[in-house]
C-alpha atoms as a PDB file:
ATOM      1  CA  MET A   1      16.213  20.174  17.712  1.00  0.00           C
ATOM      2  CA  THR A   2      13.754  17.344  17.006  1.00  0.00           C
ATOM      3  CA  ARG A   3      12.794  17.017  13.356  1.00  0.00           C
ATOM      4  CA  ARG A   4       9.056  17.175  12.695  1.00  0.00           C
ATOM      5  CA  VAL A   5       7.627  14.941   9.966  1.00  0.00           C
ATOM      6  CA  LEU A   6       4.169  15.190   8.426  1.00  0.00           C
ATOM      7  CA  VAL A   7       2.519  11.838   7.655  1.00  0.00           C
ATOM      8  CA  THR A   8      -0.448  11.793   5.298  1.00  0.00           C
ATOM      9  CA  GLY A   9      -2.763   8.797   5.448  1.00  0.00           C
ATOM     10  CA  ALA A  10      -1.785   8.363   9.087  1.00  0.00           C
ATOM     11  CA  GLY A  11      -5.016   6.568   9.961  1.00  0.00           C
ATOM     12  CA  GLY A  12      -4.519   3.836   7.374  1.00  0.00           C
ATOM     13  CA  PHE A  13      -2.974   0.379   7.545  1.00  0.00           C
ATOM     14  CA  LEU A  14       0.541   1.527   6.691  1.00  0.00           C
ATOM     15  CA  GLY A  15       0.054   4.996   8.178  1.00  0.00           C
ATOM     16  CA  ARG A  16      -0.256   3.796  11.760  1.00  0.00           C
ATOM     17  CA  HIS A  17       3.014   1.866  11.383  1.00  0.00           C
ATOM     18  CA  LEU A  18       4.741   4.896   9.894  1.00  0.00           C
ATOM     19  CA  VAL A  19       3.725   7.015  12.880  1.00  0.00           C
ATOM     20  CA  GLN A  20       4.989   4.363  15.288  1.00  0.00           C
ATOM     21  CA  GLN A  21       8.278   3.952  13.461  1.00  0.00           C
ATOM     22  CA  LEU A  22       8.866   7.688  13.241  1.00  0.00           C
ATOM     23  CA  ARG A  23       8.367   7.990  16.989  1.00  0.00           C
ATOM     24  CA  GLN A  24      10.767   5.093  17.587  1.00  0.00           C
ATOM     25  CA  GLN A  25      13.399   6.812  15.467  1.00  0.00           C
ATOM     26  CA  GLY A  26      13.047  10.042  17.431  1.00  0.00           C
ATOM     27  CA  TYR A  27      10.996  12.222  15.095  1.00  0.00           C
ATOM     28  CA  ALA A  28       8.155  14.506  16.128  1.00  0.00           C
ATOM     29  CA  VAL A  29       5.039  13.576  14.161  1.00  0.00           C
ATOM     30  CA  ARG A  30       2.192  15.553  12.652  1.00  0.00           C
ATOM     31  CA  ALA A  31      -0.434  13.015  11.569  1.00  0.00           C
ATOM     32  CA  LEU A  32      -2.988  13.915   8.900  1.00  0.00           C
ATOM     33  CA  LEU A  33      -6.308  12.123   9.382  1.00  0.00           C
ATOM     34  CA  ARG A  34      -9.430  12.300   7.218  1.00  0.00           C
ATOM     35  CA  ARG A  35     -11.666  12.226  10.281  1.00  0.00           C
ATOM     36  CA  PRO A  36     -11.197  12.614  14.063  1.00  0.00           C
ATOM     37  CA  LEU A  37     -10.275   9.530  16.071  1.00  0.00           C
ATOM     38  CA  THR A  38     -13.230   8.147  17.994  1.00  0.00           C
ATOM     39  CA  GLY A  39     -11.742   5.235  19.920  1.00  0.00           C
ATOM     40  CA  ALA A  40     -13.580   2.689  17.784  1.00  0.00           C
ATOM     41  CA  VAL A  41     -12.407  -0.922  17.676  1.00  0.00           C
ATOM     42  CA  GLY A  42      -9.346  -1.262  15.476  1.00  0.00           C
ATOM     43  CA  GLU A  43      -8.722   2.477  15.255  1.00  0.00           C
ATOM     44  CA  PRO A  44      -5.135   3.645  15.860  1.00  0.00           C
ATOM     45  CA  ALA A  45      -4.415   4.966  19.335  1.00  0.00           C
ATOM     46  CA  PHE A  46      -1.663   7.540  18.902  1.00  0.00           C
ATOM     47  CA  PRO A  47       0.268   8.810  21.943  1.00  0.00           C
ATOM     48  CA  ALA A  48      -0.361  12.357  23.116  1.00  0.00           C
ATOM     49  CA  GLU A  49       2.940  13.518  21.607  1.00  0.00           C
ATOM     50  CA  VAL A  50       1.576  12.899  18.093  1.00  0.00           C
ATOM     51  CA  GLU A  51      -0.041  16.029  16.688  1.00  0.00           C
ATOM     52  CA  CYS A  52      -3.227  14.858  14.944  1.00  0.00           C
ATOM     53  CA  VAL A  53      -4.731  17.153  12.303  1.00  0.00           C
ATOM     54  CA  VAL A  54      -7.967  16.494  10.415  1.00  0.00           C
ATOM     55  CA  GLY A  55      -7.982  17.325   6.709  1.00  0.00           C
ATOM     56  CA  ASP A  56      -8.393  15.881   3.234  1.00  0.00           C
ATOM     57  CA  VAL A  57      -5.717  15.910   0.531  1.00  0.00           C
ATOM     58  CA  CYS A  58      -8.557  16.079  -2.018  1.00  0.00           C
ATOM     59  CA  ARG A  59      -9.637  19.413  -0.537  1.00  0.00           C
ATOM     60  CA  PRO A  60      -6.552  21.649  -0.544  1.00  0.00           C
ATOM     61  CA  GLU A  61      -8.238  24.328   1.550  1.00  0.00           C
ATOM     62  CA  THR A  62      -8.387  21.878   4.495  1.00  0.00           C
ATOM     63  CA  VAL A  63      -4.624  21.251   4.482  1.00  0.00           C
ATOM     64  CA  ALA A  64      -3.277  24.718   3.639  1.00  0.00           C
ATOM     65  CA  HIS A  65      -0.020  25.430   5.513  1.00  0.00           C
ATOM     66  CA  LEU A  66      -0.144  21.913   6.994  1.00  0.00           C
ATOM     67  CA  ALA A  67       3.556  21.337   6.336  1.00  0.00           C
ATOM     68  CA  GLU A  68       4.786  24.555   7.922  1.00  0.00           C
ATOM     69  CA  GLY A  69       7.467  23.797  10.486  1.00  0.00           C
ATOM     70  CA  CYS A  70       7.995  20.277   9.142  1.00  0.00           C
ATOM     71  CA  TRP A  71      11.455  19.017   8.250  1.00  0.00           C
ATOM     72  CA  GLY A  72      10.038  16.212   6.110  1.00  0.00           C
ATOM     73  CA  ILE A  73       6.915  14.613   4.705  1.00  0.00           C
ATOM     74  CA  VAL A  74       5.947  10.965   4.252  1.00  0.00           C
ATOM     75  CA  HIS A  75       3.055  10.932   1.803  1.00  0.00           C
ATOM     76  CA  ALA A  76       1.142   7.682   2.277  1.00  0.00           C
ATOM     77  CA  ALA A  77      -2.446   8.822   1.672  1.00  0.00           C
ATOM     78  CA  ALA A  78      -3.927   6.723  -1.146  1.00  0.00           C
ATOM     79  CA  LEU A  79      -7.057   4.947  -2.282  1.00  0.00           C
ATOM     80  CA  ALA A  80      -6.124   1.333  -3.078  1.00  0.00           C
ATOM     81  CA  GLN A  81      -9.436   0.490  -4.697  1.00  0.00           C
ATOM     82  CA  VAL A  82      -9.647  -2.048  -7.532  1.00  0.00           C
ATOM     83  CA  ASN A  83     -13.384  -2.736  -7.493  1.00  0.00           C
ATOM     84  CA  PRO A  84     -14.862  -1.051  -9.423  1.00  0.00           C
ATOM     85  CA  ALA A  85     -11.915  -0.904 -11.791  1.00  0.00           C
ATOM     86  CA  ARG A  86     -12.730   2.636 -12.895  1.00  0.00           C
ATOM     87  CA  ASP A  87     -13.603   5.322 -10.359  1.00  0.00           C
ATOM     88  CA  PRO A  88     -12.755   9.048 -10.521  1.00  0.00           C
ATOM     89  CA  ALA A  89     -12.331   9.081  -6.732  1.00  0.00           C
ATOM     90  CA  VAL A  90      -9.192   6.970  -7.121  1.00  0.00           C
ATOM     91  CA  TRP A  91      -7.623   9.642  -9.312  1.00  0.00           C
ATOM     92  CA  ASP A  92      -8.774  12.392  -6.947  1.00  0.00           C
ATOM     93  CA  VAL A  93      -6.853  10.840  -4.052  1.00  0.00           C
ATOM     94  CA  ASN A  94      -3.867   9.207  -5.708  1.00  0.00           C
ATOM     95  CA  TYR A  95      -3.037  11.849  -8.304  1.00  0.00           C
ATOM     96  CA  GLY A  96      -4.807  14.988  -7.138  1.00  0.00           C
ATOM     97  CA  GLY A  97      -3.886  14.360  -3.507  1.00  0.00           C
ATOM     98  CA  THR A  98      -0.234  13.839  -4.417  1.00  0.00           C
ATOM     99  CA  ASP A  99      -0.213  17.098  -6.369  1.00  0.00           C
ATOM    100  CA  THR A 100      -1.612  18.891  -3.310  1.00  0.00           C
ATOM    101  CA  VAL A 101       0.982  17.437  -0.942  1.00  0.00           C
ATOM    102  CA  LEU A 102       3.839  18.164  -3.357  1.00  0.00           C
ATOM    103  CA  ARG A 103       2.804  21.810  -3.356  1.00  0.00           C
ATOM    104  CA  LEU A 104       2.753  21.789   0.451  1.00  0.00           C
ATOM    105  CA  ALA A 105       6.273  20.364   0.411  1.00  0.00           C
ATOM    106  CA  ARG A 106       7.481  23.085  -1.936  1.00  0.00           C
ATOM    107  CA  GLN A 107       5.781  25.805   0.100  1.00  0.00           C
ATOM    108  CA  ALA A 108       7.402  24.580   3.323  1.00  0.00           C
ATOM    109  CA  ALA A 109      10.783  23.859   1.687  1.00  0.00           C
ATOM    110  CA  VAL A 110      10.991  20.464   3.377  1.00  0.00           C
ATOM    111  CA  GLN A 111      14.354  18.746   3.533  1.00  0.00           C
ATOM    112  CA  ARG A 112      13.008  15.317   2.537  1.00  0.00           C
ATOM    113  CA  PHE A 113       9.883  14.022   0.852  1.00  0.00           C
ATOM    114  CA  VAL A 114       9.102  10.302   0.882  1.00  0.00           C
ATOM    115  CA  TYR A 115       6.429   9.225  -1.554  1.00  0.00           C
ATOM    116  CA  VAL A 116       4.727   5.872  -0.912  1.00  0.00           C
ATOM    117  CA  GLY A 117       3.718   4.343  -4.235  1.00  0.00           C
ATOM    118  CA  THR A 118       3.208   0.730  -5.252  1.00  0.00           C
ATOM    119  CA  ALA A 119       5.402  -1.867  -6.910  1.00  0.00           C
ATOM    120  CA  ASN A 120       2.693  -2.138  -9.554  1.00  0.00           C
ATOM    121  CA  VAL A 121       4.091   0.979 -11.253  1.00  0.00           C
ATOM    122  CA  PHE A 122       6.939  -1.231 -12.491  1.00  0.00           C
ATOM    123  CA  GLY A 123       6.965  -4.259 -14.718  1.00  0.00           C
ATOM    124  CA  PHE A 124       6.708  -7.583 -12.934  1.00  0.00           C
ATOM    125  CA  GLY A 125       8.437 -10.782 -13.931  1.00  0.00           C
ATOM    126  CA  PRO A 126       8.257 -14.571 -13.469  1.00  0.00           C
ATOM    127  CA  LEU A 127       9.603 -16.301 -10.382  1.00  0.00           C
ATOM    128  CA  ALA A 128      12.916 -16.994 -12.109  1.00  0.00           C
ATOM    129  CA  ARG A 129      13.347 -13.347 -13.209  1.00  0.00           C
ATOM    130  CA  PRO A 130      11.341 -11.024 -10.959  1.00  0.00           C
ATOM    131  CA  GLY A 131      10.731  -7.425 -11.944  1.00  0.00           C
ATOM    132  CA  ASP A 132      12.468  -4.474 -10.341  1.00  0.00           C
ATOM    133  CA  GLU A 133      12.725  -0.691 -10.551  1.00  0.00           C
ATOM    134  CA  THR A 134      14.229  -0.854 -14.049  1.00  0.00           C
ATOM    135  CA  HIS A 135      11.222  -2.619 -15.598  1.00  0.00           C
ATOM    136  CA  PRO A 136       8.744  -0.265 -17.331  1.00  0.00           C
ATOM    137  CA  PHE A 137       5.141  -0.035 -16.203  1.00  0.00           C
ATOM    138  CA  ALA A 138       3.166  -3.075 -17.353  1.00  0.00           C
ATOM    139  CA  GLY A 139      -0.145  -2.499 -15.602  1.00  0.00           C
ATOM    140  CA  ARG A 140      -1.903  -0.310 -18.147  1.00  0.00           C
ATOM    141  CA  ARG A 141      -3.318  -3.370 -19.882  1.00  0.00           C
ATOM    142  CA  TYR A 142      -5.519  -4.171 -16.880  1.00  0.00           C
ATOM    143  CA  GLY A 143      -7.639  -1.056 -17.047  1.00  0.00           C
ATOM    144  CA  LEU A 144      -7.369  -0.319 -13.314  1.00  0.00           C
ATOM    145  CA  ASP A 145      -7.547   3.283 -12.179  1.00  0.00           C
ATOM    146  CA  TYR A 146      -5.543   2.328  -9.092  1.00  0.00           C
ATOM    147  CA  MET A 147      -2.460   1.260 -11.051  1.00  0.00           C
ATOM    148  CA  ASP A 148      -2.817   3.990 -13.664  1.00  0.00           C
ATOM    149  CA  SER A 149      -3.241   6.751 -11.086  1.00  0.00           C
ATOM    150  CA  LYS A 150      -0.271   5.583  -9.020  1.00  0.00           C
ATOM    151  CA  ARG A 151       1.922   5.485 -12.137  1.00  0.00           C
ATOM    152  CA  ALA A 152       0.824   9.032 -12.981  1.00  0.00           C
ATOM    153  CA  ALA A 153       1.454  10.183  -9.395  1.00  0.00           C
ATOM    154  CA  THR A 154       4.922   8.623  -9.478  1.00  0.00           C
ATOM    155  CA  ALA A 155       5.676  10.619 -12.618  1.00  0.00           C
ATOM    156  CA  LEU A 156       4.414  13.751 -10.846  1.00  0.00           C
ATOM    157  CA  VAL A 157       6.897  13.259  -7.998  1.00  0.00           C
ATOM    158  CA  GLU A 158       9.713  12.554 -10.453  1.00  0.00           C
ATOM    159  CA  GLN A 159       8.819  15.766 -12.285  1.00  0.00           C
ATOM    160  CA  ALA A 160       8.997  17.740  -9.021  1.00  0.00           C
ATOM    161  CA  VAL A 161      12.484  16.325  -8.412  1.00  0.00           C
ATOM    162  CA  ARG A 162      13.627  17.509 -11.833  1.00  0.00           C
ATOM    163  CA  GLU A 163      11.894  20.880 -11.993  1.00  0.00           C
ATOM    164  CA  TRP A 164      11.710  21.976  -8.347  1.00  0.00           C
ATOM    165  CA  ARG A 165      14.757  20.054  -7.095  1.00  0.00           C
ATOM    166  CA  LEU A 166      12.440  18.472  -4.520  1.00  0.00           C
ATOM    167  CA  PRO A 167      14.538  16.139  -2.319  1.00  0.00           C
ATOM    168  CA  ALA A 168      12.204  13.178  -2.805  1.00  0.00           C
ATOM    169  CA  VAL A 169      12.736   9.437  -2.469  1.00  0.00           C
ATOM    170  CA  LEU A 170      10.053   7.088  -3.788  1.00  0.00           C
ATOM    171  CA  VAL A 171       9.230   3.785  -2.069  1.00  0.00           C
ATOM    172  CA  HIS A 172       6.934   1.195  -3.621  1.00  0.00           C
ATOM    173  CA  PRO A 173       5.548  -1.586  -1.409  1.00  0.00           C
ATOM    174  CA  THR A 174       4.326  -4.914  -2.718  1.00  0.00           C
ATOM    175  CA  PHE A 175       1.398  -6.713  -1.014  1.00  0.00           C
ATOM    176  CA  MET A 176       1.491  -5.851   2.683  1.00  0.00           C
ATOM    177  CA  LEU A 177       0.418  -8.176   5.481  1.00  0.00           C
ATOM    178  CA  GLY A 178       0.525  -7.676   9.228  1.00  0.00           C
ATOM    179  CA  PRO A 179      -1.299  -6.155  12.210  1.00  0.00           C
ATOM    180  CA  GLY A 180      -3.392  -2.998  12.253  1.00  0.00           C
ATOM    181  CA  ASP A 181      -5.437  -3.478   9.089  1.00  0.00           C
ATOM    182  CA  ALA A 182      -8.650  -2.055  10.502  1.00  0.00           C
ATOM    183  CA  LYS A 183     -10.806  -1.819   7.355  1.00  0.00           C
ATOM    184  CA  PRO A 184      -9.480  -4.512   6.555  1.00  0.00           C
ATOM    185  CA  THR A 185      -7.758  -4.189   3.156  1.00  0.00           C
ATOM    186  CA  SER A 186      -4.988  -6.553   2.072  1.00  0.00           C
ATOM    187  CA  ASN A 187      -5.425  -8.711   5.157  1.00  0.00           C
ATOM    188  CA  ALA A 188      -9.068  -9.337   4.296  1.00  0.00           C
ATOM    189  CA  LEU A 189      -7.860 -12.463   2.493  1.00  0.00           C
ATOM    190  CA  LEU A 190      -6.861 -13.949   5.847  1.00  0.00           C
ATOM    191  CA  LEU A 191     -10.372 -13.436   7.208  1.00  0.00           C
ATOM    192  CA  GLU A 192     -11.820 -15.062   4.080  1.00  0.00           C
ATOM    193  CA  LEU A 193      -9.564 -18.090   4.587  1.00  0.00           C
ATOM    194  CA  LEU A 194     -10.582 -18.298   8.236  1.00  0.00           C
ATOM    195  CA  ARG A 195     -14.246 -18.307   7.234  1.00  0.00           C
ATOM    196  CA  GLY A 196     -13.783 -20.929   4.528  1.00  0.00           C
ATOM    197  CA  ARG A 197     -14.741 -18.537   1.730  1.00  0.00           C
ATOM    198  CA  VAL A 198     -11.762 -19.143  -0.565  1.00  0.00           C
ATOM    199  CA  PRO A 199     -12.785 -21.998  -2.876  1.00  0.00           C
ATOM    200  CA  GLY A 200      -9.517 -22.289  -4.794  1.00  0.00           C
ATOM    201  CA  TYR A 201      -6.443 -20.476  -6.003  1.00  0.00           C
ATOM    202  CA  PRO A 202      -5.879 -18.550  -9.246  1.00  0.00           C
ATOM    203  CA  ALA A 203      -3.023 -19.177 -11.643  1.00  0.00           C
ATOM    204  CA  GLY A 204      -0.766 -16.270 -10.738  1.00  0.00           C
ATOM    205  CA  GLY A 205       1.059 -15.004  -7.684  1.00  0.00           C
ATOM    206  CA  LYS A 206       2.633 -11.950  -6.101  1.00  0.00           C
ATOM    207  CA  ASN A 207       5.269 -10.603  -3.757  1.00  0.00           C
ATOM    208  CA  TYR A 208       4.439 -10.254  -0.058  1.00  0.00           C
ATOM    209  CA  VAL A 209       6.013  -8.098   2.653  1.00  0.00           C
ATOM    210  CA  HIS A 210       5.413  -7.392   6.348  1.00  0.00           C
ATOM    211  CA  VAL A 211       3.893  -3.941   6.839  1.00  0.00           C
ATOM    212  CA  HIS A 212       6.385  -3.207   9.620  1.00  0.00           C
ATOM    213  CA  ASP A 213       9.284  -3.758   7.218  1.00  0.00           C
ATOM    214  CA  VAL A 214       7.726  -1.272   4.793  1.00  0.00           C
ATOM    215  CA  ALA A 215       7.399   1.310   7.575  1.00  0.00           C
ATOM    216  CA  VAL A 216      11.030   0.860   8.611  1.00  0.00           C
ATOM    217  CA  ALA A 217      12.330   1.317   5.063  1.00  0.00           C
ATOM    218  CA  ALA A 218      10.027   4.274   4.380  1.00  0.00           C
ATOM    219  CA  VAL A 219      11.201   6.089   7.501  1.00  0.00           C
ATOM    220  CA  ASN A 220      14.814   5.196   6.710  1.00  0.00           C
ATOM    221  CA  ALA A 221      14.272   6.891   3.334  1.00  0.00           C
ATOM    222  CA  LEU A 222      14.115  10.218   5.185  1.00  0.00           C
ATOM    223  CA  THR A 223      17.883   9.994   5.645  1.00  0.00           C
ATOM    224  CA  GLN A 224      18.956   7.137   3.375  1.00  0.00           C
ATOM    225  CA  GLY A 225      18.578   6.369  -0.298  1.00  0.00           C
ATOM    226  CA  ARG A 226      19.194   8.613  -3.304  1.00  0.00           C
ATOM    227  CA  VAL A 227      17.062  11.598  -4.235  1.00  0.00           C
ATOM    228  CA  GLY A 228      14.885  10.877  -7.244  1.00  0.00           C
ATOM    229  CA  GLU A 229      15.303   7.111  -6.953  1.00  0.00           C
ATOM    230  CA  SER A 230      12.550   4.519  -6.583  1.00  0.00           C
ATOM    231  CA  TYR A 231      12.760   1.466  -4.328  1.00  0.00           C
ATOM    232  CA  VAL A 232      10.577  -1.648  -4.397  1.00  0.00           C
ATOM    233  CA  LEU A 233       9.739  -2.700  -0.823  1.00  0.00           C
ATOM    234  CA  GLY A 234       9.008  -6.406  -0.867  1.00  0.00           C
ATOM    235  CA  HIS A 235      10.151  -9.769   0.371  1.00  0.00           C
ATOM    236  CA  GLN A 236       8.836 -13.180  -0.692  1.00  0.00           C
ATOM    237  CA  ASN A 237       7.509 -14.170  -4.096  1.00  0.00           C
ATOM    238  CA  LEU A 238       4.813 -16.833  -3.846  1.00  0.00           C
ATOM    239  CA  SER A 239       2.305 -18.349  -6.217  1.00  0.00           C
ATOM    240  CA  TYR A 240      -1.236 -18.093  -4.907  1.00  0.00           C
ATOM    241  CA  ARG A 241      -1.199 -21.819  -4.323  1.00  0.00           C
ATOM    242  CA  ASP A 242       1.885 -21.595  -2.096  1.00  0.00           C
ATOM    243  CA  ALA A 243       0.761 -18.377  -0.413  1.00  0.00           C
ATOM    244  CA  PHE A 244      -2.636 -19.785   0.506  1.00  0.00           C
ATOM    245  CA  ARG A 245      -1.003 -22.927   1.875  1.00  0.00           C
ATOM    246  CA  LEU A 246       1.362 -20.875   4.027  1.00  0.00           C
ATOM    247  CA  MET A 247      -1.472 -18.703   5.320  1.00  0.00           C
ATOM    248  CA  ALA A 248      -3.730 -21.667   6.015  1.00  0.00           C
ATOM    249  CA  GLU A 249      -0.990 -23.429   7.952  1.00  0.00           C
ATOM    250  CA  VAL A 250      -0.454 -20.404  10.204  1.00  0.00           C
ATOM    251  CA  LEU A 251      -4.206 -19.939  10.657  1.00  0.00           C
ATOM    252  CA  HIS A 252      -4.793 -23.668  11.311  1.00  0.00           C
ATOM    253  CA  VAL A 253      -7.441 -23.986   8.633  1.00  0.00           C
ATOM    254  CA  PRO A 254      -7.628 -26.172   5.505  1.00  0.00           C
ATOM    255  CA  ALA A 255      -5.881 -24.707   2.482  1.00  0.00           C
ATOM    256  CA  PRO A 256      -7.805 -24.241  -0.775  1.00  0.00           C
ATOM    257  CA  ARG A 257      -7.192 -27.424  -2.745  1.00  0.00           C
ATOM    258  CA  TRP A 258      -8.300 -26.697  -6.287  1.00  0.00           C
ATOM    259  CA  PRO A 259      -6.845 -24.463  -9.002  1.00  0.00           C
ATOM    260  CA  ILE A 260      -9.336 -22.049 -10.527  1.00  0.00           C
ATOM    261  CA  PRO A 261      -9.080 -22.243 -14.334  1.00  0.00           C
ATOM    262  CA  THR A 262      -8.454 -18.783 -15.739  1.00  0.00           C
ATOM    263  CA  PRO A 263     -11.244 -19.029 -18.370  1.00  0.00           C
ATOM    264  CA  LEU A 264     -13.735 -19.879 -15.626  1.00  0.00           C
ATOM    265  CA  ALA A 265     -12.467 -16.988 -13.507  1.00  0.00           C
ATOM    266  CA  ARG A 266     -12.843 -14.635 -16.483  1.00  0.00           C
ATOM    267  CA  LEU A 267     -16.414 -15.788 -16.986  1.00  0.00           C
ATOM    268  CA  TYR A 268     -17.229 -15.173 -13.327  1.00  0.00           C
ATOM    269  CA  GLY A 269     -15.535 -11.767 -13.398  1.00  0.00           C
ATOM    270  CA  THR A 270     -17.530 -10.746 -16.451  1.00  0.00           C
ATOM    271  CA  ALA A 271     -20.771 -11.908 -14.852  1.00  0.00           C
ATOM    272  CA  SER A 272     -19.937 -10.001 -11.673  1.00  0.00           C
ATOM    273  CA  ALA A 273     -19.244  -6.842 -13.646  1.00  0.00           C
ATOM    274  CA  LEU A 274     -22.560  -7.212 -15.470  1.00  0.00           C
ATOM    275  CA  GLY A 275     -24.379  -7.679 -12.180  1.00  0.00           C
ATOM    276  CA  ALA A 276     -22.667  -4.581 -10.820  1.00  0.00           C
ATOM    277  CA  ARG A 277     -23.897  -2.500 -13.749  1.00  0.00           C
ATOM    278  CA  LEU A 278     -27.435  -3.755 -13.271  1.00  0.00           C
ATOM    279  CA  THR A 279     -27.548  -3.258  -9.500  1.00  0.00           C
ATOM    280  CA  GLY A 280     -25.192  -0.309  -9.069  1.00  0.00           C
ATOM    281  CA  ARG A 281     -23.234  -2.254  -6.447  1.00  0.00           C
ATOM    282  CA  PRO A 282     -19.723  -3.703  -7.015  1.00  0.00           C
ATOM    283  CA  GLY A 283     -19.601  -7.489  -7.390  1.00  0.00           C
ATOM    284  CA  ARG A 284     -17.045  -9.734  -5.746  1.00  0.00           C
ATOM    285  CA  LEU A 285     -14.789  -9.559  -8.793  1.00  0.00           C
ATOM    286  CA  ASN A 286     -14.338  -7.720 -12.060  1.00  0.00           C
ATOM    287  CA  PRO A 287     -12.440  -8.685 -15.229  1.00  0.00           C
ATOM    288  CA  ALA A 288      -9.454  -6.519 -14.290  1.00  0.00           C
ATOM    289  CA  MET A 289      -9.042  -8.280 -10.943  1.00  0.00           C
ATOM    290  CA  VAL A 290      -9.208 -11.654 -12.674  1.00  0.00           C
ATOM    291  CA  ALA A 291      -6.555 -10.602 -15.177  1.00  0.00           C
ATOM    292  CA  VAL A 292      -4.229  -9.461 -12.396  1.00  0.00           C
ATOM    293  CA  ALA A 293      -4.702 -12.717 -10.468  1.00  0.00           C
ATOM    294  CA  ALA A 294      -3.809 -14.752 -13.557  1.00  0.00           C
ATOM    295  CA  ASP A 295      -0.361 -13.136 -13.788  1.00  0.00           C
ATOM    296  CA  GLY A 296       2.724 -13.569 -11.639  1.00  0.00           C
ATOM    297  CA  HIS A 297       3.451 -10.188 -10.061  1.00  0.00           C
ATOM    298  CA  TYR A 298       6.908 -11.063  -8.761  1.00  0.00           C
ATOM    299  CA  PHE A 299       9.505  -8.471  -7.730  1.00  0.00           C
ATOM    300  CA  ASP A 300      13.071  -8.209  -6.477  1.00  0.00           C
ATOM    301  CA  ALA A 301      13.691  -5.824  -3.546  1.00  0.00           C
ATOM    302  CA  ALA A 302      17.504  -6.070  -3.520  1.00  0.00           C
ATOM    303  CA  LYS A 303      17.954  -2.337  -4.083  1.00  0.00           C
ATOM    304  CA  ALA A 304      15.869  -1.411  -1.012  1.00  0.00           C
ATOM    305  CA  ARG A 305      17.627  -4.002   1.120  1.00  0.00           C
ATOM    306  CA  ALA A 306      21.003  -2.526   0.188  1.00  0.00           C
ATOM    307  CA  GLU A 307      20.177   1.193   0.314  1.00  0.00           C
ATOM    308  CA  LEU A 308      17.247   1.573   2.733  1.00  0.00           C
ATOM    309  CA  GLY A 309      17.928  -1.231   5.192  1.00  0.00           C
ATOM    310  CA  LEU A 310      14.658  -2.954   4.299  1.00  0.00           C
ATOM    311  CA  PRO A 311      14.094  -5.750   6.871  1.00  0.00           C
ATOM    312  CA  GLN A 312      12.900  -9.166   5.702  1.00  0.00           C
ATOM    313  CA  THR A 313      10.494 -10.527   8.309  1.00  0.00           C
ATOM    314  CA  PRO A 314       9.184 -13.992   7.357  1.00  0.00           C
ATOM    315  CA  ILE A 315       5.768 -13.822   5.726  1.00  0.00           C
ATOM    316  CA  ALA A 316       4.515 -16.520   8.086  1.00  0.00           C
ATOM    317  CA  GLN A 317       5.239 -14.066  10.906  1.00  0.00           C
ATOM    318  CA  ALA A 318       3.296 -11.322   9.092  1.00  0.00           C
ATOM    319  CA  VAL A 319       0.288 -13.667   8.848  1.00  0.00           C
ATOM    320  CA  ALA A 320       0.585 -14.620  12.512  1.00  0.00           C
ATOM    321  CA  ASP A 321       0.849 -10.976  13.582  1.00  0.00           C
ATOM    322  CA  ALA A 322      -2.233 -10.077  11.541  1.00  0.00           C
ATOM    323  CA  TYR A 323      -4.187 -12.998  12.972  1.00  0.00           C
ATOM    324  CA  ASP A 324      -3.250 -12.083  16.562  1.00  0.00           C
ATOM    325  CA  TRP A 325      -4.309  -8.481  15.931  1.00  0.00           C
ATOM    326  CA  PHE A 326      -7.645  -9.563  14.447  1.00  0.00           C
ATOM    327  CA  LYS A 327      -8.311 -11.762  17.492  1.00  0.00           C
ATOM    328  CA  THR A 328      -7.339  -9.030  19.936  1.00  0.00           C
ATOM    329  CA  HIS A 329      -9.651  -6.539  18.238  1.00  0.00           C
ATOM    330  CA  ARG A 330     -12.541  -9.019  17.960  1.00  0.00           C
ATOM    331  CA  TYR A 331     -12.571  -9.411  14.173  1.00  0.00           C
ATOM    332  CA  VAL A 332     -12.562 -13.206  14.683  1.00  0.00           C
END
């Protein structure tokens, strides 16, 4: 009998890849979408075999009994908003939505629950000593509801493992690049580079991973990995200087040449935040975003490579795949 898996956040950047990977691995898929598919440019086009259901994890009455008949759940619905830094809606989705889906999992007695978090719930490290799953949360100092809510949601899943014996595995992607980013979200940086809107590079850096690799490891977590364990899903650690150079080379555009002094970036972030308060509209930056960009958010994904079969597609390929997708869907 084919195992049915519920995917929340199925219409998002990662969600569409999760649905595809689940189908490739032979699962039946129930895809939760916040709104009906319309056929708009960039929207996922799921095959007829995918059961699409419209609902909202922030409104439990719209998803009641959604997990009935499902063998497993991959919970990927999230709001990855960092501007403004504080927004109750982020908590509603990331924490409240996770609580709702956990209760669905318990009600349906699913055999596996895969929670998609973020590597930011762990402590990062420098290039020479990247962070991993053993490093305690270091993001509280930024004052970002996104990081704080994801840390709280992670604790909620861990609590369900202890108290309900929920068979959950937690996967935590780093910065994802690749095709299918319709909003766009993380891949928006590539469009900014293409349009010559990136004047320089900040002092820090981060870990990058192909979105397809994340989907493979997340789906593998349905049958691999250890219950209650967390896994960082990442690949290459790059300073912003090196990352922007790599991206620019693939995109055939000039790379940003000048470092942005952190004090100047802080001043701009503060001015943007002030402008946002005066106008009621978010600015391009805020102080929390500047603080994050000044640090090196580097991680080691060795545990996921060993236990979840996390692939390691070159980041240059992720950039190229994203660029090809943007061209195909008339974003550029």
